[in-house]
Amino acid sequence: WQKVLYERQPFPDNYVDQRFLEELRKNVHARQYRYQAVVFQSGAVVQQLCSVCVFVLTWWYMDAGLLSPQGLFAAALVSSLLGYVLFDAVDGGAGRWASGRTRWADLKSTLVFAAFTYGFSPVLKTLTESISTDTIYAMSALMLLGHLIFFDYGANAAIVSSTLSLNMAIFASVCLASRLPRALHAFVMVTFAMQMFALWPMLQKKLKARTPRCYVAVTVLFALVALVALATVSSVGAVLFASLLLAISCLCPYCLIRLQLLKDNIHGPWDEAEIKEDLSRFL
């Protein structure tokens, strides 16, 4: 018996001999994970959860009158300048040189965005007056949840959409900003949302690629800031949020590695044929 179909043999087409299972292979393409590496990669999820937490807490402070828009704008401006300098200092300006973008172009983009946002802030303030506050809160929560789901954490998956994730976060910020006292509050809130959900992830990705130790330190510090800020509002919420962060960064990687030991993918002669030669010369 030969495993061919182009010759007539005294066996049925689906016949196999005793050597059939000798070519059985298990977990040929299975990836081997290390706990430290998985914990490091989970930092992106932790950071984005903390970003949403800090954003919502900032809105709550402004709505309660505990934080002035001038103070938030000044703090956001200073942190943006520091982050801008750090963004170039991490790679010595190599990324800017490769993209060909100048600092003057960055300044013009910033001024145009600030001018348009400030000009339309009265419209943003009154945009959702006809919608009930409970509906606004529900929409904002749903949009922020969608932002976390579609955010680009570095996985090559079809569900990832950075544009959709950012748009959902900005939509949530507009909804929440419409419930603040004045148009200035709405302007500062939308500007702060752009900083948290657009600029901050860009800096974190560069830190993660260039200086992993600094990235880990910033992630831990950012998580502590979010927890302390949440503790001032609700101690129970801070405990639950801390438990969530620990579960994502420590427990989930452990479960993933343990479940990898149970992985049992089989490969053999029944698999579909794969053409491994370069056929481009025939095209």
C-alpha atoms as a PDB file:
ATOM      1  CA  TRP A   1       0.000   0.000   0.000  1.00  0.00           C
ATOM      2  CA  GLN A   2       1.208   3.502  -0.876  1.00  0.00           C
ATOM      3  CA  LYS A   3      -0.291   6.742   0.313  1.00  0.00           C
ATOM      4  CA  VAL A   4      -1.161   7.964  -3.181  1.00  0.00           C
ATOM      5  CA  LEU A   5      -4.397   8.314  -5.078  1.00  0.00           C
ATOM      6  CA  TYR A   6      -3.063   8.370  -8.630  1.00  0.00           C
ATOM      7  CA  GLU A   7      -2.307   4.623  -8.731  1.00  0.00           C
ATOM      8  CA  ARG A   8      -4.823   1.798  -8.670  1.00  0.00           C
ATOM      9  CA  GLN A   9      -4.424  -0.293  -5.505  1.00  0.00           C
ATOM     10  CA  PRO A  10      -6.470  -3.159  -4.017  1.00  0.00           C
ATOM     11  CA  PHE A  11      -7.520  -0.945  -1.109  1.00  0.00           C
ATOM     12  CA  PRO A  12     -10.309   1.583  -0.616  1.00  0.00           C
ATOM     13  CA  ASP A  13      -9.420   5.297  -0.884  1.00  0.00           C
ATOM     14  CA  ASN A  14      -9.762   5.864   2.858  1.00  0.00           C
ATOM     15  CA  TYR A  15      -7.550   2.930   3.820  1.00  0.00           C
ATOM     16  CA  VAL A  16      -4.599   3.508   6.188  1.00  0.00           C
ATOM     17  CA  ASP A  17      -2.103   1.011   7.512  1.00  0.00           C
ATOM     18  CA  GLN A  18      -0.644   0.564  10.995  1.00  0.00           C
ATOM     19  CA  ARG A  19       1.950   3.312  10.406  1.00  0.00           C
ATOM     20  CA  PHE A  20      -0.747   5.958  10.340  1.00  0.00           C
ATOM     21  CA  LEU A  21      -0.302   7.066  13.967  1.00  0.00           C
ATOM     22  CA  GLU A  22       3.492   6.926  13.862  1.00  0.00           C
ATOM     23  CA  GLU A  23       3.505  10.419  12.375  1.00  0.00           C
ATOM     24  CA  LEU A  24       1.369  11.833  15.191  1.00  0.00           C
ATOM     25  CA  ARG A  25       2.840  15.017  16.719  1.00  0.00           C
ATOM     26  CA  LYS A  26       1.507  17.057  19.623  1.00  0.00           C
ATOM     27  CA  ASN A  27       1.770  20.795  20.255  1.00  0.00           C
ATOM     28  CA  VAL A  28       4.062  21.423  17.310  1.00  0.00           C
ATOM     29  CA  HIS A  29       3.338  25.153  17.157  1.00  0.00           C
ATOM     30  CA  ALA A  30       2.498  25.726  20.834  1.00  0.00           C
ATOM     31  CA  ARG A  31       4.095  28.819  22.354  1.00  0.00           C
ATOM     32  CA  GLN A  32       5.970  28.567  25.622  1.00  0.00           C
ATOM     33  CA  TYR A  33       5.279  31.488  27.968  1.00  0.00           C
ATOM     34  CA  ARG A  34       7.346  32.736  30.877  1.00  0.00           C
ATOM     35  CA  TYR A  35       5.571  34.177  33.887  1.00  0.00           C
ATOM     36  CA  GLN A  36       7.697  37.341  34.020  1.00  0.00           C
ATOM     37  CA  ALA A  37       7.106  38.035  30.318  1.00  0.00           C
ATOM     38  CA  VAL A  38       3.332  37.619  30.628  1.00  0.00           C
ATOM     39  CA  VAL A  39       3.229  39.887  33.692  1.00  0.00           C
ATOM     40  CA  PHE A  40       5.218  42.484  31.763  1.00  0.00           C
ATOM     41  CA  GLN A  41       2.804  42.349  28.821  1.00  0.00           C
ATOM     42  CA  SER A  42      -0.188  42.677  31.148  1.00  0.00           C
ATOM     43  CA  GLY A  43       1.076  46.130  32.083  1.00  0.00           C
ATOM     44  CA  ALA A  44      -0.694  47.574  29.015  1.00  0.00           C
ATOM     45  CA  VAL A  45      -4.068  46.418  30.362  1.00  0.00           C
ATOM     46  CA  VAL A  46      -3.267  47.736  33.837  1.00  0.00           C
ATOM     47  CA  GLN A  47      -2.263  51.117  32.456  1.00  0.00           C
ATOM     48  CA  GLN A  48      -5.397  51.511  30.393  1.00  0.00           C
ATOM     49  CA  LEU A  49      -7.637  50.577  33.313  1.00  0.00           C
ATOM     50  CA  CYS A  50      -5.817  53.151  35.430  1.00  0.00           C
ATOM     51  CA  SER A  51      -6.218  55.758  32.676  1.00  0.00           C
ATOM     52  CA  VAL A  52      -9.977  55.258  32.657  1.00  0.00           C
ATOM     53  CA  CYS A  53     -10.047  55.368  36.458  1.00  0.00           C
ATOM     54  CA  VAL A  54      -8.035  58.609  36.629  1.00  0.00           C
ATOM     55  CA  PHE A  55     -10.185  60.203  33.935  1.00  0.00           C
ATOM     56  CA  VAL A  56     -13.465  59.372  35.684  1.00  0.00           C
ATOM     57  CA  LEU A  57     -12.094  60.520  39.042  1.00  0.00           C
ATOM     58  CA  THR A  58     -10.926  63.802  37.516  1.00  0.00           C
ATOM     59  CA  TRP A  59     -14.398  64.380  36.135  1.00  0.00           C
ATOM     60  CA  TRP A  60     -15.907  63.607  39.559  1.00  0.00           C
ATOM     61  CA  TYR A  61     -13.577  66.086  41.281  1.00  0.00           C
ATOM     62  CA  MET A  62     -14.517  68.808  38.793  1.00  0.00           C
ATOM     63  CA  ASP A  63     -18.218  68.048  39.061  1.00  0.00           C
ATOM     64  CA  ALA A  64     -18.016  68.208  42.863  1.00  0.00           C
ATOM     65  CA  GLY A  65     -16.130  71.502  42.757  1.00  0.00           C
ATOM     66  CA  LEU A  66     -12.988  70.037  44.325  1.00  0.00           C
ATOM     67  CA  LEU A  67     -10.844  70.710  41.250  1.00  0.00           C
ATOM     68  CA  SER A  68     -10.830  73.910  39.238  1.00  0.00           C
ATOM     69  CA  PRO A  69     -10.535  73.832  35.451  1.00  0.00           C
ATOM     70  CA  GLN A  70      -7.608  76.250  35.622  1.00  0.00           C
ATOM     71  CA  GLY A  71      -5.708  73.926  37.955  1.00  0.00           C
ATOM     72  CA  LEU A  72      -6.391  70.870  35.798  1.00  0.00           C
ATOM     73  CA  PHE A  73      -5.407  72.708  32.616  1.00  0.00           C
ATOM     74  CA  ALA A  74      -2.141  73.898  34.183  1.00  0.00           C
ATOM     75  CA  ALA A  75      -1.291  70.410  35.435  1.00  0.00           C
ATOM     76  CA  ALA A  76      -2.168  68.863  32.066  1.00  0.00           C
ATOM     77  CA  LEU A  77      -0.063  71.446  30.229  1.00  0.00           C
ATOM     78  CA  VAL A  78       2.995  70.855  32.413  1.00  0.00           C
ATOM     79  CA  SER A  79       2.681  67.063  32.180  1.00  0.00           C
ATOM     80  CA  SER A  80       2.220  67.282  28.397  1.00  0.00           C
ATOM     81  CA  LEU A  81       5.409  69.330  28.028  1.00  0.00           C
ATOM     82  CA  LEU A  82       7.348  66.874  30.204  1.00  0.00           C
ATOM     83  CA  GLY A  83       5.951  63.927  28.252  1.00  0.00           C
ATOM     84  CA  TYR A  84       6.791  65.628  24.950  1.00  0.00           C
ATOM     85  CA  VAL A  85      10.413  66.093  26.006  1.00  0.00           C
ATOM     86  CA  LEU A  86      10.607  62.537  27.334  1.00  0.00           C
ATOM     87  CA  PHE A  87       9.097  61.156  24.121  1.00  0.00           C
ATOM     88  CA  ASP A  88      12.002  62.559  22.116  1.00  0.00           C
ATOM     89  CA  ALA A  89      14.624  61.831  24.761  1.00  0.00           C
ATOM     90  CA  VAL A  90      13.829  58.107  24.933  1.00  0.00           C
ATOM     91  CA  ASP A  91      15.146  57.373  21.434  1.00  0.00           C
ATOM     92  CA  GLY A  92      17.310  60.455  20.996  1.00  0.00           C
ATOM     93  CA  GLY A  93      14.969  61.919  18.373  1.00  0.00           C
ATOM     94  CA  ALA A  94      15.368  58.979  15.983  1.00  0.00           C
ATOM     95  CA  GLY A  95      11.614  58.495  15.653  1.00  0.00           C
ATOM     96  CA  ARG A  96      11.033  62.166  14.845  1.00  0.00           C
ATOM     97  CA  TRP A  97      13.844  62.146  12.281  1.00  0.00           C
ATOM     98  CA  ALA A  98      12.405  59.029  10.620  1.00  0.00           C
ATOM     99  CA  SER A  99       8.888  60.484  10.429  1.00  0.00           C
ATOM    100  CA  GLY A 100      10.113  63.845   9.154  1.00  0.00           C
ATOM    101  CA  ARG A 101       7.740  65.749  11.465  1.00  0.00           C
ATOM    102  CA  THR A 102       9.033  68.991  12.986  1.00  0.00           C
ATOM    103  CA  ARG A 103       8.300  70.551  16.360  1.00  0.00           C
ATOM    104  CA  TRP A 104       6.692  73.478  14.582  1.00  0.00           C
ATOM    105  CA  ALA A 105       4.192  71.084  12.995  1.00  0.00           C
ATOM    106  CA  ASP A 106       3.432  69.601  16.426  1.00  0.00           C
ATOM    107  CA  LEU A 107       2.888  73.085  17.862  1.00  0.00           C
ATOM    108  CA  LYS A 108       0.528  74.060  15.041  1.00  0.00           C
ATOM    109  CA  SER A 109      -1.501  70.865  15.479  1.00  0.00           C
ATOM    110  CA  THR A 110      -1.764  71.510  19.218  1.00  0.00           C
ATOM    111  CA  LEU A 111      -2.864  75.119  18.758  1.00  0.00           C
ATOM    112  CA  VAL A 112      -5.447  74.195  16.120  1.00  0.00           C
ATOM    113  CA  PHE A 113      -6.908  71.454  18.323  1.00  0.00           C
ATOM    114  CA  ALA A 114      -7.015  73.738  21.382  1.00  0.00           C
ATOM    115  CA  ALA A 115      -8.588  76.581  19.403  1.00  0.00           C
ATOM    116  CA  PHE A 116     -11.298  74.416  17.853  1.00  0.00           C
ATOM    117  CA  THR A 117     -12.063  72.679  21.143  1.00  0.00           C
ATOM    118  CA  TYR A 118     -12.286  75.999  23.012  1.00  0.00           C
ATOM    119  CA  GLY A 119     -14.450  77.502  20.282  1.00  0.00           C
ATOM    120  CA  PHE A 120     -16.877  74.600  20.301  1.00  0.00           C
ATOM    121  CA  SER A 121     -16.902  74.119  24.078  1.00  0.00           C
ATOM    122  CA  PRO A 122     -20.209  76.040  24.482  1.00  0.00           C
ATOM    123  CA  VAL A 123     -21.737  73.669  21.935  1.00  0.00           C
ATOM    124  CA  LEU A 124     -20.291  70.652  23.746  1.00  0.00           C
ATOM    125  CA  LYS A 125     -21.714  71.986  27.010  1.00  0.00           C
ATOM    126  CA  THR A 126     -25.265  72.199  25.634  1.00  0.00           C
ATOM    127  CA  LEU A 127     -25.045  69.282  23.199  1.00  0.00           C
ATOM    128  CA  THR A 128     -26.855  66.765  25.416  1.00  0.00           C
ATOM    129  CA  GLU A 129     -29.185  69.002  27.420  1.00  0.00           C
ATOM    130  CA  SER A 130     -32.239  67.132  26.121  1.00  0.00           C
ATOM    131  CA  ILE A 131     -30.836  63.768  27.297  1.00  0.00           C
ATOM    132  CA  SER A 132     -31.341  62.649  30.879  1.00  0.00           C
ATOM    133  CA  THR A 133     -28.353  62.429  33.193  1.00  0.00           C
ATOM    134  CA  ASP A 134     -28.855  58.719  33.825  1.00  0.00           C
ATOM    135  CA  THR A 135     -28.709  58.062  30.077  1.00  0.00           C
ATOM    136  CA  ILE A 136     -25.530  60.137  29.817  1.00  0.00           C
ATOM    137  CA  TYR A 137     -23.885  58.122  32.579  1.00  0.00           C
ATOM    138  CA  ALA A 138     -24.941  54.834  30.976  1.00  0.00           C
ATOM    139  CA  MET A 139     -23.660  55.921  27.559  1.00  0.00           C
ATOM    140  CA  SER A 140     -20.366  57.070  29.053  1.00  0.00           C
ATOM    141  CA  ALA A 141     -19.864  53.791  30.910  1.00  0.00           C
ATOM    142  CA  LEU A 142     -20.660  51.824  27.744  1.00  0.00           C
ATOM    143  CA  MET A 143     -18.271  53.919  25.645  1.00  0.00           C
ATOM    144  CA  LEU A 144     -15.426  53.575  28.147  1.00  0.00           C
ATOM    145  CA  LEU A 145     -16.009  49.827  28.284  1.00  0.00           C
ATOM    146  CA  GLY A 146     -15.842  49.706  24.497  1.00  0.00           C
ATOM    147  CA  HIS A 147     -12.655  51.755  24.617  1.00  0.00           C
ATOM    148  CA  LEU A 148     -11.058  49.131  26.842  1.00  0.00           C
ATOM    149  CA  ILE A 149     -12.279  46.278  24.634  1.00  0.00           C
ATOM    150  CA  PHE A 150     -11.078  47.665  21.298  1.00  0.00           C
ATOM    151  CA  PHE A 151      -7.846  49.247  22.562  1.00  0.00           C
ATOM    152  CA  ASP A 152      -4.597  48.095  20.959  1.00  0.00           C
ATOM    153  CA  TYR A 153      -2.774  46.183  23.710  1.00  0.00           C
ATOM    154  CA  GLY A 154      -0.255  44.766  21.241  1.00  0.00           C
ATOM    155  CA  ALA A 155      -2.237  41.692  20.191  1.00  0.00           C
ATOM    156  CA  ASN A 156      -2.712  40.863  16.532  1.00  0.00           C
ATOM    157  CA  ALA A 157      -6.471  40.327  16.619  1.00  0.00           C
ATOM    158  CA  ALA A 158      -9.376  41.351  14.410  1.00  0.00           C
ATOM    159  CA  ILE A 159     -11.176  43.059  17.298  1.00  0.00           C
ATOM    160  CA  VAL A 160      -8.376  45.597  17.776  1.00  0.00           C
ATOM    161  CA  SER A 161      -9.196  49.068  16.442  1.00  0.00           C
ATOM    162  CA  SER A 162      -7.221  52.013  17.791  1.00  0.00           C
ATOM    163  CA  THR A 163      -9.393  54.521  15.931  1.00  0.00           C
ATOM    164  CA  LEU A 164     -12.654  53.102  17.263  1.00  0.00           C
ATOM    165  CA  SER A 165     -11.220  52.862  20.768  1.00  0.00           C
ATOM    166  CA  LEU A 166     -10.105  56.511  20.771  1.00  0.00           C
ATOM    167  CA  ASN A 167     -13.396  57.732  19.300  1.00  0.00           C
ATOM    168  CA  MET A 168     -15.379  55.914  21.983  1.00  0.00           C
ATOM    169  CA  ALA A 169     -13.237  57.455  24.732  1.00  0.00           C
ATOM    170  CA  ILE A 170     -13.632  60.959  23.289  1.00  0.00           C
ATOM    171  CA  PHE A 171     -17.383  60.434  22.929  1.00  0.00           C
ATOM    172  CA  ALA A 172     -17.550  59.439  26.600  1.00  0.00           C
ATOM    173  CA  SER A 173     -15.566  62.535  27.563  1.00  0.00           C
ATOM    174  CA  VAL A 174     -17.959  64.774  25.603  1.00  0.00           C
ATOM    175  CA  CYS A 175     -20.946  63.158  27.324  1.00  0.00           C
ATOM    176  CA  LEU A 176     -19.448  63.633  30.787  1.00  0.00           C
ATOM    177  CA  ALA A 177     -18.200  67.149  29.997  1.00  0.00           C
ATOM    178  CA  SER A 178     -21.741  68.212  29.100  1.00  0.00           C
ATOM    179  CA  ARG A 179     -22.743  67.680  32.733  1.00  0.00           C
ATOM    180  CA  LEU A 180     -20.078  70.034  34.130  1.00  0.00           C
ATOM    181  CA  PRO A 181     -20.994  73.546  35.307  1.00  0.00           C
ATOM    182  CA  ARG A 182     -19.443  75.771  32.588  1.00  0.00           C
ATOM    183  CA  ALA A 183     -18.108  75.675  29.045  1.00  0.00           C
ATOM    184  CA  LEU A 184     -14.559  76.095  30.374  1.00  0.00           C
ATOM    185  CA  HIS A 185     -14.971  72.852  32.311  1.00  0.00           C
ATOM    186  CA  ALA A 186     -16.058  71.084  29.118  1.00  0.00           C
ATOM    187  CA  PHE A 187     -13.053  72.416  27.194  1.00  0.00           C
ATOM    188  CA  VAL A 188     -10.564  71.314  29.853  1.00  0.00           C
ATOM    189  CA  MET A 189     -12.237  67.914  30.221  1.00  0.00           C
ATOM    190  CA  VAL A 190     -12.116  67.106  26.491  1.00  0.00           C
ATOM    191  CA  THR A 191      -8.507  68.308  26.308  1.00  0.00           C
ATOM    192  CA  PHE A 192      -7.579  66.145  29.272  1.00  0.00           C
ATOM    193  CA  ALA A 193      -9.317  63.160  27.646  1.00  0.00           C
ATOM    194  CA  MET A 194      -7.235  63.596  24.507  1.00  0.00           C
ATOM    195  CA  GLN A 195      -4.110  63.659  26.636  1.00  0.00           C
ATOM    196  CA  MET A 196      -5.071  60.528  28.585  1.00  0.00           C
ATOM    197  CA  PHE A 197      -6.394  58.395  25.731  1.00  0.00           C
ATOM    198  CA  ALA A 198      -4.275  59.544  22.766  1.00  0.00           C
ATOM    199  CA  LEU A 199      -0.942  60.977  23.946  1.00  0.00           C
ATOM    200  CA  TRP A 200      -0.319  58.941  27.090  1.00  0.00           C
ATOM    201  CA  PRO A 201      -0.540  55.505  25.332  1.00  0.00           C
ATOM    202  CA  MET A 202       1.920  56.695  22.681  1.00  0.00           C
ATOM    203  CA  LEU A 203       4.490  57.547  25.342  1.00  0.00           C
ATOM    204  CA  GLN A 204       3.907  54.252  27.124  1.00  0.00           C
ATOM    205  CA  LYS A 205       4.444  52.238  23.937  1.00  0.00           C
ATOM    206  CA  LYS A 206       7.762  53.959  23.332  1.00  0.00           C
ATOM    207  CA  LEU A 207       8.864  53.422  26.940  1.00  0.00           C
ATOM    208  CA  LYS A 208       7.880  49.775  26.688  1.00  0.00           C
ATOM    209  CA  ALA A 209       9.923  49.287  23.518  1.00  0.00           C
ATOM    210  CA  ARG A 210      12.985  51.322  24.528  1.00  0.00           C
ATOM    211  CA  THR A 211      13.274  51.208  28.324  1.00  0.00           C
ATOM    212  CA  PRO A 212      11.359  48.261  29.835  1.00  0.00           C
ATOM    213  CA  ARG A 213      12.482  48.982  33.398  1.00  0.00           C
ATOM    214  CA  CYS A 214      11.298  52.554  33.213  1.00  0.00           C
ATOM    215  CA  TYR A 215       8.025  51.308  31.741  1.00  0.00           C
ATOM    216  CA  VAL A 216       7.483  48.963  34.687  1.00  0.00           C
ATOM    217  CA  ALA A 217       8.268  51.738  37.186  1.00  0.00           C
ATOM    218  CA  VAL A 218       5.862  54.147  35.480  1.00  0.00           C
ATOM    219  CA  THR A 219       3.141  51.480  35.391  1.00  0.00           C
ATOM    220  CA  VAL A 220       3.464  50.776  39.118  1.00  0.00           C
ATOM    221  CA  LEU A 221       3.559  54.483  39.973  1.00  0.00           C
ATOM    222  CA  PHE A 222       0.536  55.213  37.792  1.00  0.00           C
ATOM    223  CA  ALA A 223      -1.421  52.362  39.399  1.00  0.00           C
ATOM    224  CA  LEU A 224      -0.580  53.687  42.877  1.00  0.00           C
ATOM    225  CA  VAL A 225      -1.728  57.188  41.916  1.00  0.00           C
ATOM    226  CA  ALA A 226      -5.023  55.804  40.603  1.00  0.00           C
ATOM    227  CA  LEU A 227      -5.570  53.740  43.751  1.00  0.00           C
ATOM    228  CA  VAL A 228      -4.813  56.641  46.097  1.00  0.00           C
ATOM    229  CA  ALA A 229      -7.129  58.944  44.145  1.00  0.00           C
ATOM    230  CA  LEU A 230      -9.885  56.325  44.182  1.00  0.00           C
ATOM    231  CA  ALA A 231      -9.409  55.772  47.918  1.00  0.00           C
ATOM    232  CA  THR A 232     -10.290  59.436  48.537  1.00  0.00           C
ATOM    233  CA  VAL A 233     -13.682  58.793  46.953  1.00  0.00           C
ATOM    234  CA  SER A 234     -14.437  55.216  48.017  1.00  0.00           C
ATOM    235  CA  SER A 235     -12.254  52.907  50.090  1.00  0.00           C
ATOM    236  CA  VAL A 236     -14.304  49.898  49.023  1.00  0.00           C
ATOM    237  CA  GLY A 237     -13.873  50.864  45.375  1.00  0.00           C
ATOM    238  CA  ALA A 238     -10.121  51.214  45.884  1.00  0.00           C
ATOM    239  CA  VAL A 239      -9.913  47.725  47.393  1.00  0.00           C
ATOM    240  CA  LEU A 240     -11.951  46.229  44.544  1.00  0.00           C
ATOM    241  CA  PHE A 241      -9.904  48.062  41.934  1.00  0.00           C
ATOM    242  CA  ALA A 242      -6.646  46.936  43.546  1.00  0.00           C
ATOM    243  CA  SER A 243      -7.935  43.357  43.512  1.00  0.00           C
ATOM    244  CA  LEU A 244      -8.768  43.707  39.825  1.00  0.00           C
ATOM    245  CA  LEU A 245      -5.293  45.009  38.988  1.00  0.00           C
ATOM    246  CA  LEU A 246      -3.608  42.222  40.958  1.00  0.00           C
ATOM    247  CA  ALA A 247      -5.791  39.610  39.281  1.00  0.00           C
ATOM    248  CA  ILE A 248      -4.930  40.926  35.810  1.00  0.00           C
ATOM    249  CA  SER A 249      -1.195  41.355  36.416  1.00  0.00           C
ATOM    250  CA  CYS A 250      -0.495  38.317  38.628  1.00  0.00           C
ATOM    251  CA  LEU A 251      -3.332  35.785  38.696  1.00  0.00           C
ATOM    252  CA  CYS A 252      -4.270  35.772  35.001  1.00  0.00           C
ATOM    253  CA  PRO A 253      -0.665  35.186  33.797  1.00  0.00           C
ATOM    254  CA  TYR A 254      -0.359  32.297  36.261  1.00  0.00           C
ATOM    255  CA  CYS A 255      -3.592  30.752  34.997  1.00  0.00           C
ATOM    256  CA  LEU A 256      -2.457  31.157  31.395  1.00  0.00           C
ATOM    257  CA  ILE A 257       0.801  29.333  32.044  1.00  0.00           C
ATOM    258  CA  ARG A 258      -0.936  26.556  33.969  1.00  0.00           C
ATOM    259  CA  LEU A 259      -3.491  26.081  31.209  1.00  0.00           C
ATOM    260  CA  GLN A 260      -0.699  25.900  28.631  1.00  0.00           C
ATOM    261  CA  LEU A 261       0.397  22.642  30.268  1.00  0.00           C
ATOM    262  CA  LEU A 262      -3.007  21.170  29.392  1.00  0.00           C
ATOM    263  CA  LYS A 263      -2.770  22.193  25.752  1.00  0.00           C
ATOM    264  CA  ASP A 264      -3.018  19.134  23.464  1.00  0.00           C
ATOM    265  CA  ASN A 265      -3.056  19.995  19.772  1.00  0.00           C
ATOM    266  CA  ILE A 266      -2.402  17.031  17.519  1.00  0.00           C
ATOM    267  CA  HIS A 267      -0.817  17.091  14.069  1.00  0.00           C
ATOM    268  CA  GLY A 268      -0.371  14.243  11.617  1.00  0.00           C
ATOM    269  CA  PRO A 269      -0.862  13.018   8.058  1.00  0.00           C
ATOM    270  CA  TRP A 270      -4.518  14.060   8.158  1.00  0.00           C
ATOM    271  CA  ASP A 271      -3.582  17.766   8.204  1.00  0.00           C
ATOM    272  CA  GLU A 272      -4.055  19.850   5.104  1.00  0.00           C
ATOM    273  CA  ALA A 273      -1.044  20.020   2.814  1.00  0.00           C
ATOM    274  CA  GLU A 274       1.131  23.125   3.170  1.00  0.00           C
ATOM    275  CA  ILE A 275       3.220  24.444   0.278  1.00  0.00           C
ATOM    276  CA  LYS A 276       6.450  25.668   1.856  1.00  0.00           C
ATOM    277  CA  GLU A 277       8.317  26.481  -1.368  1.00  0.00           C
ATOM    278  CA  ASP A 278       8.458  29.978  -2.782  1.00  0.00           C
ATOM    279  CA  LEU A 279       5.960  30.063  -5.657  1.00  0.00           C
ATOM    280  CA  SER A 280       6.363  33.734  -6.459  1.00  0.00           C
ATOM    281  CA  ARG A 281       8.388  32.928  -9.561  1.00  0.00           C
ATOM    282  CA  PHE A 282       5.317  31.227 -11.057  1.00  0.00           C
ATOM    283  CA  LEU A 283       3.034  34.227 -10.469  1.00  0.00           C
END
